Amino acid sequence: MIIDLPDTSVSDIAKRLVSVREEGGAVALGRVLTLIIKSKRKLDEAVIDAANDASREHPMRVIVLVTDSRGEAKLDAEIRVGGDAGASEVVVLRAYGPAASNEETLITGLLLPDAPVVVWWPDEPPARPGKDALGRIAQRRITDTSTAPYAPDRLRQLDLVYTPGDTDLAWTRLTRWREQLAAVLDQPPFEPVTAVEVRGASTSPSTALLAAWLGMALDVPVEWSYESPEAWNHGIHSVTLRRASGDIVLERHSATHATLTQPGQPDHVLLLPRRSLRECIAEELRRLDPDLLYGRVLTEGWERLGPASEEF
């Protein structure tokens, strides 16, 4: 069910939410957090769908704030519940003109009482997420450095302004790669890794984050490079771990599978699918404390990582 509230106010929206809650009964009270999705000028239904899917694991209130500083002051809203909102209740706010200037005021009256707050910028994050009006009221702040148009210096900018509680979906997309590489090194022979090579697409910040994590975790030099779009155009392509007995190579050759090559063993084809937006958001919502490892990789690991080489 979708309830439209054109030219409304935050007070009227809050009253209507109470009415919806009373009609829905106890089910509507079982929310564990508030997820704020902040976007500029456009409403991305794919982002809302991902949040709705994740809500089946984390029942929550989703507040989508779309701001456009152009035009006269106006606030339009819609409330989505039931089949249109998964296991959450979704409030979509479209603020125009001067009404879009105070984001915190638009949001505060709609937050769940005594519940954690997570804010997610799916497209254009603020320069300093931890100092942003919405970022200050949130326990976790989620950005995505891979969104188009891709800017190679975004990771450097996040490094300079990192605040505990910040995270990025480029890091979340690495979970399966990190798990697989850790599992390989947990098997004999237990030789030290002497060097690492990471290769990926030029539009993949995950490539840099994986290189920074491996260099920090293994305390070895890392060579990382961007490949031409013709050779590889999405995400991480391969990781090579150099050891005395020979190289371990994990190389993705499709969107779903990769090949693991190890000395003295036949090649293994592994299931290594790219992670969906829903999976990444659900993982980030499982923990509301700061991701300290991400913080170390972004600050310590990134600082010791040399510049990438480009193979085109």
Protein backbone atom coordinates (compact mmCIF):
# COMPACT_ATOMS: atom_id res chain seq x y z
CA MET A 1 0.00 0.00 0.00
CA ILE A 2 1.24 3.47 -0.91
CA ILE A 3 -0.16 6.55 0.81
CA ASP A 4 0.51 9.84 -1.03
CA LEU A 5 0.90 13.03 1.01
CA PRO A 6 1.43 15.96 -1.39
CA ASP A 7 2.49 19.39 -0.09
CA THR A 8 2.67 18.16 3.48
CA SER A 9 4.70 18.70 6.67
CA VAL A 10 6.85 16.50 8.89
CA SER A 11 4.21 16.74 11.62
CA ASP A 12 1.46 15.47 9.32
CA ILE A 13 3.69 12.62 8.12
CA ALA A 14 4.45 11.59 11.71
CA LYS A 15 0.73 11.58 12.57
CA ARG A 16 -0.05 9.45 9.55
CA LEU A 17 2.69 6.99 10.53
CA VAL A 18 1.08 6.63 13.97
CA SER A 19 -2.24 5.92 12.27
CA VAL A 20 -0.63 3.32 10.00
CA ARG A 21 1.06 1.72 13.01
CA GLU A 22 -2.23 1.47 14.89
CA GLU A 23 -3.88 -0.12 11.88
CA GLY A 24 -0.97 -2.53 11.41
CA GLY A 25 -0.80 -3.57 15.05
CA ALA A 26 2.26 -5.04 16.79
CA VAL A 27 3.98 -6.01 13.54
CA ALA A 28 4.62 -2.35 12.79
CA LEU A 29 6.41 -1.93 16.12
CA GLY A 30 9.10 -4.54 15.51
CA ARG A 31 11.61 -2.24 13.83
CA VAL A 32 15.21 -2.53 14.98
CA LEU A 33 16.71 0.54 13.30
CA THR A 34 16.12 3.53 11.05
CA LEU A 35 17.83 3.57 7.66
CA ILE A 36 18.09 6.98 6.02
CA ILE A 37 18.76 6.98 2.29
CA LYS A 38 19.87 10.40 1.05
CA SER A 39 19.87 11.28 -2.63
CA LYS A 40 19.97 14.42 -4.74
CA ARG A 41 17.28 15.24 -7.26
CA LYS A 42 16.36 11.65 -8.16
CA LEU A 43 14.62 8.66 -6.59
CA ASP A 44 16.33 5.34 -7.36
CA GLU A 45 13.81 2.54 -6.98
CA ALA A 46 16.60 -0.06 -7.19
CA VAL A 47 18.07 1.39 -3.99
CA ILE A 48 14.70 1.20 -2.22
CA ASP A 49 14.21 -2.37 -3.47
CA ALA A 50 17.61 -3.33 -2.01
CA ALA A 51 16.65 -1.81 1.35
CA ASN A 52 13.29 -3.60 1.28
CA ASP A 53 15.00 -6.92 0.59
CA ALA A 54 17.48 -6.32 3.41
CA SER A 55 14.58 -5.47 5.74
CA ARG A 56 13.51 -9.10 5.73
CA GLU A 57 16.67 -9.73 7.73
CA HIS A 58 16.62 -6.37 9.55
CA PRO A 59 13.06 -5.01 10.04
CA MET A 60 13.42 -1.25 9.95
CA ARG A 61 11.96 2.09 9.03
CA VAL A 62 13.42 3.40 5.78
CA ILE A 63 13.39 7.16 5.23
CA VAL A 64 14.29 8.18 1.69
CA LEU A 65 15.17 11.87 1.42
CA VAL A 66 15.44 13.37 -2.06
CA THR A 67 16.39 17.05 -2.08
CA ASP A 68 16.27 19.60 -4.89
CA SER A 69 17.21 23.17 -4.01
CA ARG A 70 15.44 24.52 -7.09
CA GLY A 71 11.94 25.94 -7.06
CA GLU A 72 9.58 27.02 -4.28
CA ALA A 73 9.57 25.51 -0.80
CA LYS A 74 7.57 22.31 -0.81
CA LEU A 75 7.57 18.88 0.81
CA ASP A 76 5.88 15.91 -0.85
CA ALA A 77 5.81 12.50 0.81
CA GLU A 78 4.58 8.98 0.42
CA ILE A 79 4.35 6.16 2.92
CA ARG A 80 4.82 2.59 1.72
CA VAL A 81 3.79 -0.38 3.85
CA GLY A 82 2.94 -4.02 3.28
CA GLY A 83 3.94 -5.51 -0.05
CA ASP A 84 5.41 -2.22 -1.24
CA ALA A 85 7.87 -2.10 1.66
CA GLY A 86 9.06 -5.64 2.38
CA ALA A 87 9.41 -6.05 6.15
CA SER A 88 9.95 -2.33 6.61
CA GLU A 89 7.90 0.83 6.39
CA VAL A 90 9.21 3.27 3.82
CA VAL A 91 8.77 7.04 3.98
CA VAL A 92 9.77 8.88 0.80
CA LEU A 93 10.36 12.61 1.22
CA ARG A 94 10.84 14.96 -1.71
CA ALA A 95 11.93 18.38 -0.54
CA TYR A 96 12.21 21.38 -2.86
CA GLY A 97 13.63 24.88 -2.60
CA PRO A 98 14.27 26.26 0.89
CA ALA A 99 12.47 23.23 2.38
CA ALA A 100 15.43 21.11 1.27
CA SER A 101 18.01 23.19 3.13
CA ASN A 102 17.68 21.64 6.61
CA GLU A 103 17.95 17.89 6.21
CA GLU A 104 18.18 17.11 9.91
CA THR A 105 14.89 18.88 10.66
CA LEU A 106 13.14 16.90 7.94
CA ILE A 107 14.36 13.62 9.40
CA THR A 108 14.42 14.00 13.18
CA GLY A 109 10.66 13.84 13.76
CA LEU A 110 10.41 10.59 11.80
CA LEU A 111 13.15 8.57 13.50
CA LEU A 112 12.21 5.51 15.50
CA PRO A 113 12.59 6.26 19.22
CA ASP A 114 15.58 4.65 20.96
CA ALA A 115 16.69 2.84 17.79
CA PRO A 116 20.05 3.04 16.00
CA VAL A 117 20.31 5.22 12.91
CA VAL A 118 22.19 4.32 9.72
CA VAL A 119 22.54 6.77 6.84
CA TRP A 120 23.34 5.67 3.29
CA TRP A 121 24.35 7.92 0.39
CA PRO A 122 23.96 5.69 -2.70
CA ASP A 123 25.16 8.29 -5.20
CA GLU A 124 26.75 11.58 -4.06
CA PRO A 125 28.22 11.37 -0.55
CA PRO A 126 29.10 14.53 1.37
CA ALA A 127 32.72 15.63 1.52
CA ARG A 128 32.86 14.72 5.23
CA PRO A 129 30.26 12.04 6.07
CA GLY A 130 30.98 12.17 9.80
CA LYS A 131 30.41 15.95 9.91
CA ASP A 132 27.34 15.97 7.67
CA ALA A 133 23.99 16.99 9.21
CA LEU A 134 22.65 13.45 8.76
CA GLY A 135 25.97 11.77 9.46
CA ARG A 136 26.15 13.34 12.93
CA ILE A 137 22.96 11.57 14.06
CA ALA A 138 23.95 8.16 12.68
CA GLN A 139 25.90 5.29 14.23
CA ARG A 140 26.90 4.03 10.77
CA ARG A 141 27.48 6.02 7.57
CA ILE A 142 27.54 4.12 4.27
CA THR A 143 28.99 5.52 1.04
CA ASP A 144 29.79 3.89 -2.30
CA THR A 145 32.91 5.05 -4.13
CA SER A 146 32.10 2.90 -7.17
CA THR A 147 29.06 4.89 -8.29
CA ALA A 148 29.22 6.66 -11.64
CA PRO A 149 30.81 8.91 -12.61
CA TYR A 150 33.74 7.15 -10.98
CA ALA A 151 36.34 9.43 -9.40
CA PRO A 152 39.75 7.83 -8.74
CA ASP A 153 40.49 10.19 -5.83
CA ARG A 154 37.38 9.29 -3.79
CA LEU A 155 39.25 6.81 -1.59
CA ARG A 156 41.91 9.39 -0.86
CA GLN A 157 39.19 11.85 0.16
CA LEU A 158 37.54 9.28 2.45
CA ASP A 159 40.93 8.51 4.00
CA LEU A 160 41.48 12.15 4.89
CA VAL A 161 38.09 12.57 6.60
CA TYR A 162 37.54 9.09 8.05
CA THR A 163 35.49 8.93 11.25
CA PRO A 164 34.76 5.66 13.14
CA GLY A 165 31.37 4.47 11.90
CA ASP A 166 32.15 5.25 8.24
CA THR A 167 32.12 2.41 5.74
CA ASP A 168 31.94 1.98 1.98
CA LEU A 169 30.23 -0.63 -0.19
CA ALA A 170 33.43 -1.01 -2.21
CA TRP A 171 34.83 -2.64 0.95
CA THR A 172 31.71 -4.76 1.55
CA ARG A 173 31.98 -6.22 -1.95
CA LEU A 174 35.35 -7.72 -0.95
CA THR A 175 33.98 -10.13 1.65
CA ARG A 176 34.03 -13.22 -0.56
CA TRP A 177 37.49 -12.41 -1.91
CA ARG A 178 38.84 -11.96 1.62
CA GLU A 179 37.21 -15.19 2.82
CA GLN A 180 38.60 -17.21 -0.08
CA LEU A 181 42.13 -15.86 0.23
CA ALA A 182 42.16 -16.40 3.99
CA ALA A 183 40.99 -20.00 3.48
CA VAL A 184 43.80 -20.66 0.99
CA LEU A 185 46.47 -19.35 3.37
CA ASP A 186 45.03 -21.49 6.17
CA GLN A 187 46.07 -24.65 4.29
CA PRO A 188 49.53 -26.27 4.04
CA PRO A 189 52.22 -25.53 3.15
CA PHE A 190 52.29 -22.73 5.68
CA GLU A 191 54.87 -20.62 3.87
CA PRO A 192 55.05 -16.86 4.23
CA VAL A 193 53.81 -14.76 1.36
CA THR A 194 56.65 -12.63 0.02
CA ALA A 195 54.76 -10.38 -2.41
CA VAL A 196 51.25 -9.73 -3.73
CA GLU A 197 49.88 -8.64 -7.07
CA VAL A 198 46.30 -7.36 -7.51
CA ARG A 199 44.69 -6.49 -10.83
CA GLY A 200 41.28 -5.04 -11.61
CA ALA A 201 39.18 -2.64 -13.65
CA SER A 202 40.06 1.04 -13.68
CA THR A 203 36.60 1.84 -12.26
CA SER A 204 36.99 -0.50 -9.28
CA PRO A 205 37.87 1.07 -5.91
CA SER A 206 37.59 -2.45 -4.48
CA THR A 207 40.85 -3.28 -6.25
CA ALA A 208 42.70 -0.64 -4.24
CA LEU A 209 41.03 -1.63 -0.97
CA LEU A 210 41.90 -5.31 -1.47
CA ALA A 211 45.51 -4.38 -2.26
CA ALA A 212 45.66 -2.19 0.86
CA TRP A 213 44.17 -4.95 3.05
CA LEU A 214 46.59 -7.62 1.77
CA GLY A 215 49.61 -5.35 2.19
CA MET A 216 48.59 -4.49 5.74
CA ALA A 217 47.54 -8.02 6.77
CA LEU A 218 50.58 -9.79 5.29
CA ASP A 219 53.11 -6.98 5.75
CA VAL A 220 54.49 -7.45 2.24
CA PRO A 221 54.95 -5.24 -0.81
CA VAL A 222 51.92 -5.07 -3.08
CA GLU A 223 51.91 -4.34 -6.78
CA TRP A 224 48.47 -3.38 -8.05
CA SER A 225 47.37 -2.32 -11.47
CA TYR A 226 44.38 -1.25 -13.51
CA GLU A 227 43.62 -3.10 -16.71
CA SER A 228 42.20 -1.64 -19.89
CA PRO A 229 38.39 -1.68 -20.23
CA GLU A 230 38.79 -4.01 -23.20
CA ALA A 231 40.67 -6.56 -21.08
CA TRP A 232 38.56 -6.29 -17.93
CA ASN A 233 35.79 -3.79 -17.30
CA HIS A 234 34.27 -4.54 -13.89
CA GLY A 235 35.61 -5.20 -10.41
CA ILE A 236 38.64 -7.21 -9.34
CA HIS A 237 40.22 -9.50 -11.92
CA SER A 238 42.95 -11.43 -10.13
CA VAL A 239 45.10 -11.77 -7.02
CA THR A 240 48.54 -13.42 -7.01
CA LEU A 241 50.22 -14.45 -3.76
CA ARG A 242 53.92 -15.19 -4.22
CA ARG A 243 55.54 -17.89 -2.03
CA ALA A 244 58.76 -19.90 -2.22
CA SER A 245 56.97 -23.02 -3.49
CA GLY A 246 55.15 -21.13 -6.23
CA ASP A 247 52.40 -18.61 -6.88
CA ILE A 248 48.81 -18.88 -5.72
CA VAL A 249 46.50 -17.22 -8.25
CA LEU A 250 42.81 -16.48 -7.77
CA GLU A 251 41.40 -15.17 -11.04
CA ARG A 252 37.83 -14.34 -11.86
CA HIS A 253 36.85 -15.20 -15.41
CA SER A 254 33.10 -14.43 -15.31
CA ALA A 255 30.54 -12.64 -13.15
CA THR A 256 29.99 -15.81 -11.13
CA HIS A 257 33.11 -18.02 -11.23
CA ALA A 258 36.84 -17.84 -10.59
CA THR A 259 39.77 -20.24 -10.94
CA LEU A 260 42.16 -21.02 -8.10
CA THR A 261 45.64 -22.14 -9.18
CA GLN A 262 48.09 -23.57 -6.61
CA PRO A 263 51.46 -25.31 -7.02
CA GLY A 264 51.18 -29.09 -7.26
CA GLN A 265 47.39 -29.09 -7.43
CA PRO A 266 44.87 -29.14 -10.26
CA ASP A 267 43.05 -25.91 -10.98
CA HIS A 268 39.84 -25.44 -9.00
CA VAL A 269 36.83 -23.60 -10.41
CA LEU A 270 35.14 -21.72 -7.56
CA LEU A 271 31.80 -20.00 -7.22
CA LEU A 272 32.68 -16.33 -6.68
CA PRO A 273 29.66 -14.26 -7.75
CA ARG A 274 29.60 -10.52 -7.64
CA ARG A 275 27.66 -9.34 -4.64
CA SER A 276 24.30 -7.70 -5.12
CA LEU A 277 23.38 -4.35 -3.60
CA ARG A 278 20.92 -6.13 -1.31
CA GLU A 279 23.63 -8.47 0.02
CA CYS A 280 26.00 -5.59 0.72
CA ILE A 281 23.42 -3.49 2.55
CA ALA A 282 22.22 -6.48 4.58
CA GLU A 283 25.80 -7.21 5.66
CA GLU A 284 26.43 -3.61 6.69
CA LEU A 285 23.26 -3.58 8.80
CA ARG A 286 24.31 -6.70 10.74
CA ARG A 287 26.72 -4.65 12.79
CA LEU A 288 26.07 -1.18 14.11
CA ASP A 289 29.41 -0.71 15.83
CA PRO A 290 32.32 0.83 13.86
CA ASP A 291 34.05 -1.42 11.33
CA LEU A 292 37.53 -0.99 12.76
CA LEU A 293 39.21 -3.15 10.11
CA TYR A 294 37.84 -0.98 7.32
CA GLY A 295 39.10 2.05 9.20
CA ARG A 296 42.59 0.59 9.46
CA VAL A 297 42.64 -0.42 5.79
CA LEU A 298 41.47 3.02 4.68
CA THR A 299 43.98 4.88 6.84
CA GLU A 300 46.99 2.63 7.58
CA GLY A 301 46.77 0.27 4.60
CA TRP A 302 46.06 3.00 2.06
CA GLU A 303 48.91 5.13 3.37
CA ARG A 304 51.48 2.38 2.79
CA LEU A 305 50.12 1.40 -0.62
CA GLY A 306 52.02 2.73 -3.60
CA PRO A 307 50.36 4.17 -6.69
CA ALA A 308 48.66 1.86 -9.17
CA SER A 309 50.14 1.12 -12.55
CA GLU A 310 47.90 1.28 -15.59
CA GLU A 311 48.19 -1.39 -18.25
CA PHE A 312 46.72 0.70 -21.01
